[in-house]
Amino acid sequence: MKNVSEMSPQELAEACAKLMWDDDRASKGLGIELLKVEPGKAVLTMRVAEHMTNGHGNMHGGFLFALADSAFAFACNSYNQMTVAQHCSITYIAPGSLGDMLTADAREVSRKGRSGIYDIRVTREDGTVLAEFRGHSRTINRTFLPDDTTPA
């Protein structure tokens, strides 16, 4: 593996995503798939399964939130600085239904100091927007990959 200082921003984003994905039992358990990660961006998908529907026959909002939150996590953790959610909000626009394939597309809006803002749009395969999610992130004092500038 290359030293962190030798990696392109894309290589760094992919390396961080791989390390996160390897231990992400929550996303994997929901059937979420990580399609793409770039610095400050991520695209994840999930099919609505029977256990994800509520008493109205629609997708339970908590599962929709979980998909958006996972996309948020991969987007804001793409710089080799471990980052956590500080605040998240979601606006539900249309319901998901059993069998729908959903896509969460996360993009960075702002990243200054230890704080970031990310917008995540969740759509159904026909392009219908189901939700808009905004996440505020905060970096913590840890990295995914060791800093290679420290002498051995």
N, C-alpha and C. Protein backbone atom coordinates (compact mmCIF):
# COMPACT_ATOMS: atom_id res chain seq x y z
N MET A 1 0.84 -1.18 0.00
CA MET A 1 0.00 0.00 0.00
C MET A 1 0.89 1.25 0.00
N LYS A 2 0.48 2.24 -0.74
CA LYS A 2 1.20 3.51 -0.79
C LYS A 2 1.12 4.22 0.55
N ASN A 3 2.11 5.08 0.79
CA ASN A 3 2.02 5.97 1.94
C ASN A 3 0.91 6.97 1.69
N VAL A 4 0.30 7.48 2.75
CA VAL A 4 -0.80 8.43 2.63
C VAL A 4 -0.39 9.63 1.78
N SER A 5 0.82 10.11 1.98
CA SER A 5 1.29 11.29 1.24
C SER A 5 1.45 11.04 -0.26
N GLU A 6 1.55 9.78 -0.65
CA GLU A 6 1.70 9.42 -2.07
C GLU A 6 0.37 9.16 -2.76
N MET A 7 -0.73 9.08 -1.98
CA MET A 7 -2.03 8.76 -2.55
C MET A 7 -2.69 9.99 -3.15
N SER A 8 -3.39 9.77 -4.25
CA SER A 8 -4.23 10.84 -4.81
C SER A 8 -5.45 10.99 -3.89
N PRO A 9 -6.16 12.11 -3.97
CA PRO A 9 -7.38 12.25 -3.16
C PRO A 9 -8.37 11.11 -3.40
N GLN A 10 -8.47 10.64 -4.64
CA GLN A 10 -9.38 9.53 -4.95
C GLN A 10 -8.92 8.23 -4.31
N GLU A 11 -7.62 7.95 -4.38
CA GLU A 11 -7.09 6.73 -3.76
C GLU A 11 -7.30 6.77 -2.24
N LEU A 12 -7.11 7.93 -1.64
CA LEU A 12 -7.31 8.08 -0.21
C LEU A 12 -8.77 7.85 0.16
N ALA A 13 -9.69 8.43 -0.61
CA ALA A 13 -11.12 8.24 -0.36
C ALA A 13 -11.49 6.76 -0.46
N GLU A 14 -10.97 6.06 -1.46
CA GLU A 14 -11.27 4.64 -1.64
C GLU A 14 -10.68 3.79 -0.52
N ALA A 15 -9.47 4.11 -0.07
CA ALA A 15 -8.84 3.36 1.01
C ALA A 15 -9.62 3.54 2.32
N CYS A 16 -10.04 4.76 2.61
CA CYS A 16 -10.83 5.02 3.82
C CYS A 16 -12.17 4.29 3.75
N ALA A 17 -12.81 4.34 2.58
CA ALA A 17 -14.10 3.67 2.41
C ALA A 17 -13.96 2.16 2.61
N LYS A 18 -12.90 1.58 2.09
CA LYS A 18 -12.71 0.14 2.25
C LYS A 18 -12.57 -0.22 3.72
N LEU A 19 -11.78 0.54 4.45
CA LEU A 19 -11.60 0.26 5.88
C LEU A 19 -12.92 0.40 6.64
N MET A 20 -13.70 1.43 6.31
CA MET A 20 -15.00 1.61 6.95
C MET A 20 -15.95 0.47 6.58
N TRP A 21 -16.01 0.17 5.29
CA TRP A 21 -16.95 -0.84 4.79
C TRP A 21 -16.68 -2.21 5.41
N ASP A 22 -15.40 -2.55 5.57
CA ASP A 22 -15.05 -3.86 6.12
C ASP A 22 -15.68 -4.09 7.49
N ASP A 23 -15.88 -3.03 8.27
CA ASP A 23 -16.43 -3.16 9.62
C ASP A 23 -17.86 -2.66 9.75
N ASP A 24 -18.51 -2.30 8.66
CA ASP A 24 -19.85 -1.70 8.71
C ASP A 24 -20.93 -2.78 8.66
N ARG A 25 -21.16 -3.39 9.80
CA ARG A 25 -22.17 -4.45 9.87
C ARG A 25 -23.59 -3.91 9.73
N ALA A 26 -23.82 -2.68 10.16
CA ALA A 26 -25.16 -2.09 10.08
C ALA A 26 -25.58 -1.93 8.61
N SER A 27 -24.75 -1.29 7.81
CA SER A 27 -25.11 -1.09 6.40
C SER A 27 -25.23 -2.41 5.66
N LYS A 28 -24.28 -3.30 5.88
CA LYS A 28 -24.33 -4.61 5.22
C LYS A 28 -25.58 -5.37 5.63
N GLY A 29 -25.95 -5.29 6.91
CA GLY A 29 -27.12 -6.00 7.42
C GLY A 29 -28.42 -5.51 6.81
N LEU A 30 -28.43 -4.26 6.36
CA LEU A 30 -29.62 -3.70 5.70
C LEU A 30 -29.61 -3.95 4.19
N GLY A 31 -28.56 -4.60 3.70
CA GLY A 31 -28.47 -4.86 2.26
C GLY A 31 -27.98 -3.66 1.47
N ILE A 32 -27.40 -2.70 2.15
CA ILE A 32 -26.87 -1.51 1.48
C ILE A 32 -25.61 -1.90 0.71
N GLU A 33 -25.46 -1.30 -0.46
CA GLU A 33 -24.26 -1.49 -1.27
C GLU A 33 -23.61 -0.15 -1.51
N LEU A 34 -22.29 -0.12 -1.37
CA LEU A 34 -21.50 1.07 -1.65
C LEU A 34 -21.09 1.02 -3.12
N LEU A 35 -21.65 1.94 -3.91
CA LEU A 35 -21.35 1.93 -5.35
C LEU A 35 -20.15 2.77 -5.71
N LYS A 36 -20.03 3.93 -5.03
CA LYS A 36 -18.97 4.86 -5.44
C LYS A 36 -18.63 5.78 -4.28
N VAL A 37 -17.35 6.09 -4.17
CA VAL A 37 -16.91 7.09 -3.21
C VAL A 37 -15.86 7.97 -3.89
N GLU A 38 -15.92 9.24 -3.61
CA GLU A 38 -14.95 10.23 -4.07
C GLU A 38 -14.73 11.17 -2.90
N PRO A 39 -13.72 12.01 -2.95
CA PRO A 39 -13.56 12.98 -1.86
C PRO A 39 -14.83 13.82 -1.69
N GLY A 40 -15.46 13.68 -0.52
CA GLY A 40 -16.67 14.44 -0.22
C GLY A 40 -17.93 13.95 -0.87
N LYS A 41 -17.90 12.78 -1.50
CA LYS A 41 -19.07 12.25 -2.19
C LYS A 41 -19.17 10.74 -1.97
N ALA A 42 -20.40 10.24 -2.03
CA ALA A 42 -20.63 8.79 -1.97
C ALA A 42 -21.99 8.47 -2.56
N VAL A 43 -22.10 7.29 -3.15
CA VAL A 43 -23.36 6.79 -3.69
C VAL A 43 -23.57 5.38 -3.16
N LEU A 44 -24.72 5.18 -2.49
CA LEU A 44 -25.08 3.89 -1.93
C LEU A 44 -26.48 3.51 -2.39
N THR A 45 -26.76 2.21 -2.45
CA THR A 45 -28.09 1.74 -2.84
C THR A 45 -28.62 0.75 -1.81
N MET A 46 -29.94 0.58 -1.83
CA MET A 46 -30.60 -0.38 -0.95
C MET A 46 -31.96 -0.74 -1.55
N ARG A 47 -32.29 -2.01 -1.54
CA ARG A 47 -33.62 -2.46 -1.98
C ARG A 47 -34.52 -2.56 -0.75
N VAL A 48 -35.74 -2.06 -0.87
CA VAL A 48 -36.70 -2.10 0.23
C VAL A 48 -37.21 -3.53 0.39
N ALA A 49 -36.89 -4.12 1.53
CA ALA A 49 -37.30 -5.50 1.85
C ALA A 49 -38.56 -5.48 2.71
N GLU A 50 -39.20 -6.63 2.82
CA GLU A 50 -40.46 -6.74 3.55
C GLU A 50 -40.35 -6.26 5.00
N HIS A 51 -39.24 -6.59 5.66
CA HIS A 51 -39.09 -6.20 7.06
C HIS A 51 -38.87 -4.68 7.23
N MET A 52 -38.77 -3.95 6.14
CA MET A 52 -38.57 -2.50 6.19
C MET A 52 -39.88 -1.72 6.01
N THR A 53 -41.00 -2.42 5.87
CA THR A 53 -42.28 -1.73 5.65
C THR A 53 -43.00 -1.53 6.98
N ASN A 54 -43.81 -0.46 7.02
CA ASN A 54 -44.55 -0.11 8.24
C ASN A 54 -46.02 -0.50 8.12
N GLY A 55 -46.82 -0.05 9.08
CA GLY A 55 -48.25 -0.37 9.12
C GLY A 55 -49.06 0.26 8.01
N HIS A 56 -48.49 1.23 7.30
CA HIS A 56 -49.16 1.83 6.13
C HIS A 56 -48.80 1.10 4.84
N GLY A 57 -47.91 0.14 4.94
CA GLY A 57 -47.47 -0.58 3.74
C GLY A 57 -46.35 0.13 3.00
N ASN A 58 -45.84 1.21 3.58
CA ASN A 58 -44.73 1.96 2.99
C ASN A 58 -43.43 1.61 3.70
N MET A 59 -42.33 2.08 3.13
CA MET A 59 -41.04 1.91 3.79
C MET A 59 -41.03 2.73 5.08
N HIS A 60 -40.59 2.12 6.16
CA HIS A 60 -40.45 2.83 7.44
C HIS A 60 -39.37 3.91 7.29
N GLY A 61 -39.67 5.10 7.77
CA GLY A 61 -38.76 6.23 7.63
C GLY A 61 -37.39 6.01 8.25
N GLY A 62 -37.32 5.20 9.27
CA GLY A 62 -36.03 4.94 9.91
C GLY A 62 -35.05 4.24 8.99
N PHE A 63 -35.55 3.36 8.12
CA PHE A 63 -34.67 2.68 7.17
C PHE A 63 -34.20 3.64 6.08
N LEU A 64 -35.09 4.54 5.67
CA LEU A 64 -34.71 5.56 4.70
C LEU A 64 -33.63 6.46 5.29
N PHE A 65 -33.82 6.84 6.55
CA PHE A 65 -32.82 7.66 7.26
C PHE A 65 -31.49 6.92 7.33
N ALA A 66 -31.53 5.62 7.64
CA ALA A 66 -30.30 4.83 7.76
C ALA A 66 -29.52 4.81 6.45
N LEU A 67 -30.20 4.66 5.32
CA LEU A 67 -29.53 4.68 4.03
C LEU A 67 -28.85 6.03 3.80
N ALA A 68 -29.58 7.12 4.04
CA ALA A 68 -29.01 8.46 3.86
C ALA A 68 -27.85 8.69 4.80
N ASP A 69 -27.99 8.24 6.05
CA ASP A 69 -26.95 8.41 7.05
C ASP A 69 -25.68 7.66 6.66
N SER A 70 -25.81 6.47 6.10
CA SER A 70 -24.65 5.72 5.65
C SER A 70 -23.93 6.44 4.51
N ALA A 71 -24.70 7.00 3.58
CA ALA A 71 -24.09 7.77 2.49
C ALA A 71 -23.34 8.98 3.04
N PHE A 72 -23.96 9.65 3.99
CA PHE A 72 -23.33 10.78 4.69
C PHE A 72 -22.00 10.35 5.30
N ALA A 73 -22.01 9.22 6.00
CA ALA A 73 -20.80 8.74 6.66
C ALA A 73 -19.66 8.49 5.68
N PHE A 74 -19.96 7.85 4.55
CA PHE A 74 -18.90 7.56 3.59
C PHE A 74 -18.39 8.82 2.90
N ALA A 75 -19.26 9.79 2.67
CA ALA A 75 -18.82 11.04 2.05
C ALA A 75 -17.92 11.84 2.99
N CYS A 76 -18.31 11.96 4.25
CA CYS A 76 -17.53 12.83 5.15
C CYS A 76 -16.31 12.14 5.73
N ASN A 77 -16.18 10.84 5.55
CA ASN A 77 -14.99 10.13 6.03
C ASN A 77 -14.01 9.81 4.91
N SER A 78 -14.01 10.60 3.87
CA SER A 78 -13.20 10.31 2.69
C SER A 78 -11.85 11.03 2.65
N TYR A 79 -11.47 11.66 3.77
CA TYR A 79 -10.24 12.45 3.81
C TYR A 79 -9.21 11.94 4.81
N ASN A 80 -9.36 10.72 5.29
CA ASN A 80 -8.48 10.13 6.30
C ASN A 80 -8.54 10.85 7.64
N GLN A 81 -9.67 11.48 7.91
CA GLN A 81 -9.94 12.03 9.24
C GLN A 81 -11.25 11.39 9.69
N MET A 82 -11.21 10.64 10.78
CA MET A 82 -12.45 10.03 11.26
C MET A 82 -13.43 11.14 11.62
N THR A 83 -14.64 10.97 11.13
CA THR A 83 -15.66 12.01 11.24
C THR A 83 -16.97 11.39 11.71
N VAL A 84 -17.66 12.09 12.59
CA VAL A 84 -18.92 11.61 13.13
C VAL A 84 -20.03 12.63 12.84
N ALA A 85 -21.25 12.18 12.98
CA ALA A 85 -22.40 13.07 12.80
C ALA A 85 -22.54 13.97 14.03
N GLN A 86 -22.75 15.24 13.78
CA GLN A 86 -23.01 16.19 14.85
C GLN A 86 -24.50 16.51 14.92
N HIS A 87 -25.13 16.57 13.74
CA HIS A 87 -26.56 16.84 13.64
C HIS A 87 -27.03 16.37 12.27
N CYS A 88 -28.20 15.78 12.22
CA CYS A 88 -28.78 15.33 10.96
C CYS A 88 -30.26 15.66 10.95
N SER A 89 -30.77 15.98 9.77
CA SER A 89 -32.21 16.16 9.61
C SER A 89 -32.62 15.58 8.27
N ILE A 90 -33.87 15.18 8.20
CA ILE A 90 -34.38 14.59 6.97
C ILE A 90 -35.78 15.14 6.70
N THR A 91 -36.05 15.37 5.44
CA THR A 91 -37.39 15.74 5.00
C THR A 91 -37.88 14.62 4.09
N TYR A 92 -38.96 13.99 4.49
CA TYR A 92 -39.56 12.92 3.68
C TYR A 92 -40.48 13.56 2.65
N ILE A 93 -40.31 13.18 1.40
CA ILE A 93 -41.05 13.80 0.30
C ILE A 93 -42.07 12.83 -0.30
N ALA A 94 -41.66 11.59 -0.49
CA ALA A 94 -42.55 10.56 -1.05
C ALA A 94 -42.21 9.24 -0.38
N PRO A 95 -43.18 8.33 -0.29
CA PRO A 95 -42.90 7.06 0.38
C PRO A 95 -42.18 6.07 -0.53
N GLY A 96 -41.36 5.24 0.11
CA GLY A 96 -40.78 4.10 -0.59
C GLY A 96 -41.71 2.92 -0.44
N SER A 97 -41.60 1.96 -1.35
CA SER A 97 -42.47 0.78 -1.33
C SER A 97 -41.65 -0.49 -1.42
N LEU A 98 -42.26 -1.58 -0.99
CA LEU A 98 -41.63 -2.89 -1.05
C LEU A 98 -41.07 -3.14 -2.45
N GLY A 99 -39.82 -3.53 -2.52
CA GLY A 99 -39.18 -3.85 -3.80
C GLY A 99 -38.46 -2.69 -4.46
N ASP A 100 -38.72 -1.46 -4.03
CA ASP A 100 -38.04 -0.30 -4.62
C ASP A 100 -36.53 -0.40 -4.44
N MET A 101 -35.78 -0.02 -5.46
CA MET A 101 -34.33 0.13 -5.35
C MET A 101 -34.08 1.61 -5.12
N LEU A 102 -33.47 1.93 -3.99
CA LEU A 102 -33.22 3.32 -3.62
C LEU A 102 -31.74 3.65 -3.76
N THR A 103 -31.47 4.89 -4.12
CA THR A 103 -30.11 5.39 -4.24
C THR A 103 -29.96 6.62 -3.37
N ALA A 104 -28.91 6.63 -2.55
CA ALA A 104 -28.58 7.81 -1.75
C ALA A 104 -27.31 8.41 -2.34
N ASP A 105 -27.42 9.66 -2.76
CA ASP A 105 -26.32 10.36 -3.40
C ASP A 105 -25.90 11.51 -2.47
N ALA A 106 -24.71 11.36 -1.88
CA ALA A 106 -24.21 12.34 -0.90
C ALA A 106 -23.17 13.24 -1.54
N ARG A 107 -23.26 14.54 -1.21
CA ARG A 107 -22.26 15.48 -1.70
C ARG A 107 -21.94 16.51 -0.63
N GLU A 108 -20.69 16.87 -0.61
CA GLU A 108 -20.22 17.86 0.35
C GLU A 108 -20.66 19.25 -0.06
N VAL A 109 -21.19 20.00 0.89
CA VAL A 109 -21.59 21.39 0.67
C VAL A 109 -20.52 22.33 1.20
N SER A 110 -19.98 22.00 2.38
CA SER A 110 -18.98 22.84 3.02
C SER A 110 -18.12 21.99 3.93
N ARG A 111 -16.84 22.32 4.00
CA ARG A 111 -15.92 21.64 4.92
C ARG A 111 -14.87 22.65 5.36
N LYS A 112 -14.96 23.07 6.60
CA LYS A 112 -14.07 24.09 7.16
C LYS A 112 -13.64 23.63 8.54
N GLY A 113 -12.34 23.60 8.79
CA GLY A 113 -11.85 23.18 10.09
C GLY A 113 -12.32 21.77 10.40
N ARG A 114 -12.96 21.60 11.54
CA ARG A 114 -13.44 20.28 11.95
C ARG A 114 -14.90 20.03 11.58
N SER A 115 -15.55 20.98 10.93
CA SER A 115 -16.98 20.88 10.64
C SER A 115 -17.26 20.76 9.15
N GLY A 116 -18.31 20.02 8.83
CA GLY A 116 -18.72 19.87 7.44
C GLY A 116 -20.24 19.81 7.34
N ILE A 117 -20.73 20.12 6.15
CA ILE A 117 -22.16 20.02 5.85
C ILE A 117 -22.29 19.20 4.57
N TYR A 118 -23.20 18.24 4.60
CA TYR A 118 -23.40 17.32 3.48
C TYR A 118 -24.88 17.19 3.18
N ASP A 119 -25.22 17.21 1.90
CA ASP A 119 -26.59 16.99 1.46
C ASP A 119 -26.68 15.62 0.79
N ILE A 120 -27.71 14.89 1.16
CA ILE A 120 -27.93 13.56 0.61
C ILE A 120 -29.34 13.51 0.05
N ARG A 121 -29.46 13.17 -1.22
CA ARG A 121 -30.75 13.00 -1.88
C ARG A 121 -30.99 11.51 -2.06
N VAL A 122 -32.15 11.05 -1.63
CA VAL A 122 -32.52 9.65 -1.79
C VAL A 122 -33.61 9.57 -2.86
N THR A 123 -33.35 8.77 -3.88
CA THR A 123 -34.29 8.63 -5.00
C THR A 123 -34.65 7.16 -5.22
N ARG A 124 -35.79 6.98 -5.84
CA ARG A 124 -36.23 5.65 -6.29
C ARG A 124 -35.68 5.47 -7.70
N GLU A 125 -35.67 4.24 -8.19
CA GLU A 125 -35.08 3.94 -9.49
C GLU A 125 -35.73 4.70 -10.65
N ASP A 126 -36.98 5.17 -10.49
CA ASP A 126 -37.63 5.94 -11.55
C ASP A 126 -37.29 7.43 -11.48
N GLY A 127 -36.40 7.80 -10.53
CA GLY A 127 -35.98 9.18 -10.39
C GLY A 127 -36.77 9.99 -9.37
N THR A 128 -37.83 9.43 -8.83
CA THR A 128 -38.63 10.13 -7.83
C THR A 128 -37.78 10.39 -6.57
N VAL A 129 -37.78 11.63 -6.11
CA VAL A 129 -37.06 11.97 -4.88
C VAL A 129 -37.92 11.57 -3.69
N LEU A 130 -37.37 10.73 -2.81
CA LEU A 130 -38.08 10.28 -1.63
C LEU A 130 -37.74 11.11 -0.40
N ALA A 131 -36.50 11.60 -0.34
CA ALA A 131 -36.08 12.35 0.85
C ALA A 131 -34.87 13.22 0.56
N GLU A 132 -34.79 14.29 1.33
CA GLU A 132 -33.61 15.16 1.34
C GLU A 132 -33.08 15.15 2.76
N PHE A 133 -31.81 14.83 2.91
CA PHE A 133 -31.17 14.68 4.22
C PHE A 133 -30.00 15.66 4.27
N ARG A 134 -29.85 16.34 5.39
CA ARG A 134 -28.69 17.21 5.59
C ARG A 134 -27.97 16.74 6.84
N GLY A 135 -26.66 16.51 6.69
CA GLY A 135 -25.84 16.08 7.81
C GLY A 135 -24.75 17.09 8.12
N HIS A 136 -24.58 17.35 9.39
CA HIS A 136 -23.49 18.21 9.87
C HIS A 136 -22.47 17.29 10.53
N SER A 137 -21.23 17.37 10.11
CA SER A 137 -20.20 16.46 10.60
C SER A 137 -19.19 17.19 11.48
N ARG A 138 -18.47 16.37 12.24
CA ARG A 138 -17.41 16.87 13.11
C ARG A 138 -16.28 15.85 13.11
N THR A 139 -15.07 16.28 12.77
CA THR A 139 -13.95 15.35 12.79
C THR A 139 -13.50 15.12 14.22
N ILE A 140 -12.96 13.92 14.45
CA ILE A 140 -12.39 13.58 15.75
C ILE A 140 -10.89 13.38 15.54
N ASN A 141 -10.17 13.23 16.60
CA ASN A 141 -8.71 13.20 16.52
C ASN A 141 -8.18 11.80 16.22
N ARG A 142 -8.65 11.21 15.11
CA ARG A 142 -8.17 9.89 14.69
C ARG A 142 -8.18 9.83 13.17
N THR A 143 -7.33 8.96 12.63
CA THR A 143 -7.27 8.75 11.20
C THR A 143 -7.53 7.27 10.90
N PHE A 144 -7.84 6.97 9.65
CA PHE A 144 -8.02 5.59 9.22
C PHE A 144 -6.66 4.96 8.93
N LEU A 145 -5.84 5.70 8.20
CA LEU A 145 -4.53 5.23 7.79
C LEU A 145 -3.47 5.98 8.59
N PRO A 146 -2.37 5.31 8.94
CA PRO A 146 -1.34 5.99 9.73
C PRO A 146 -0.71 7.14 8.95
N ASP A 147 -0.37 8.17 9.67
CA ASP A 147 0.33 9.32 9.09
C ASP A 147 1.76 8.88 8.81
N ASP A 148 2.15 8.89 7.53
CA ASP A 148 3.47 8.40 7.18
C ASP A 148 4.56 9.46 7.33
N THR A 149 4.23 10.61 7.89
CA THR A 149 5.25 11.63 8.09
C THR A 149 5.93 11.49 9.45
N THR A 150 5.40 10.59 10.30
CA THR A 150 6.00 10.36 11.62
C THR A 150 7.19 9.40 11.47
N PRO A 151 8.34 9.75 12.02
CA PRO A 151 9.50 8.84 11.92
C PRO A 151 9.23 7.52 12.62
N ALA A 152 9.78 6.45 12.09
CA ALA A 152 9.58 5.11 12.67
C ALA A 152 10.44 4.90 13.89
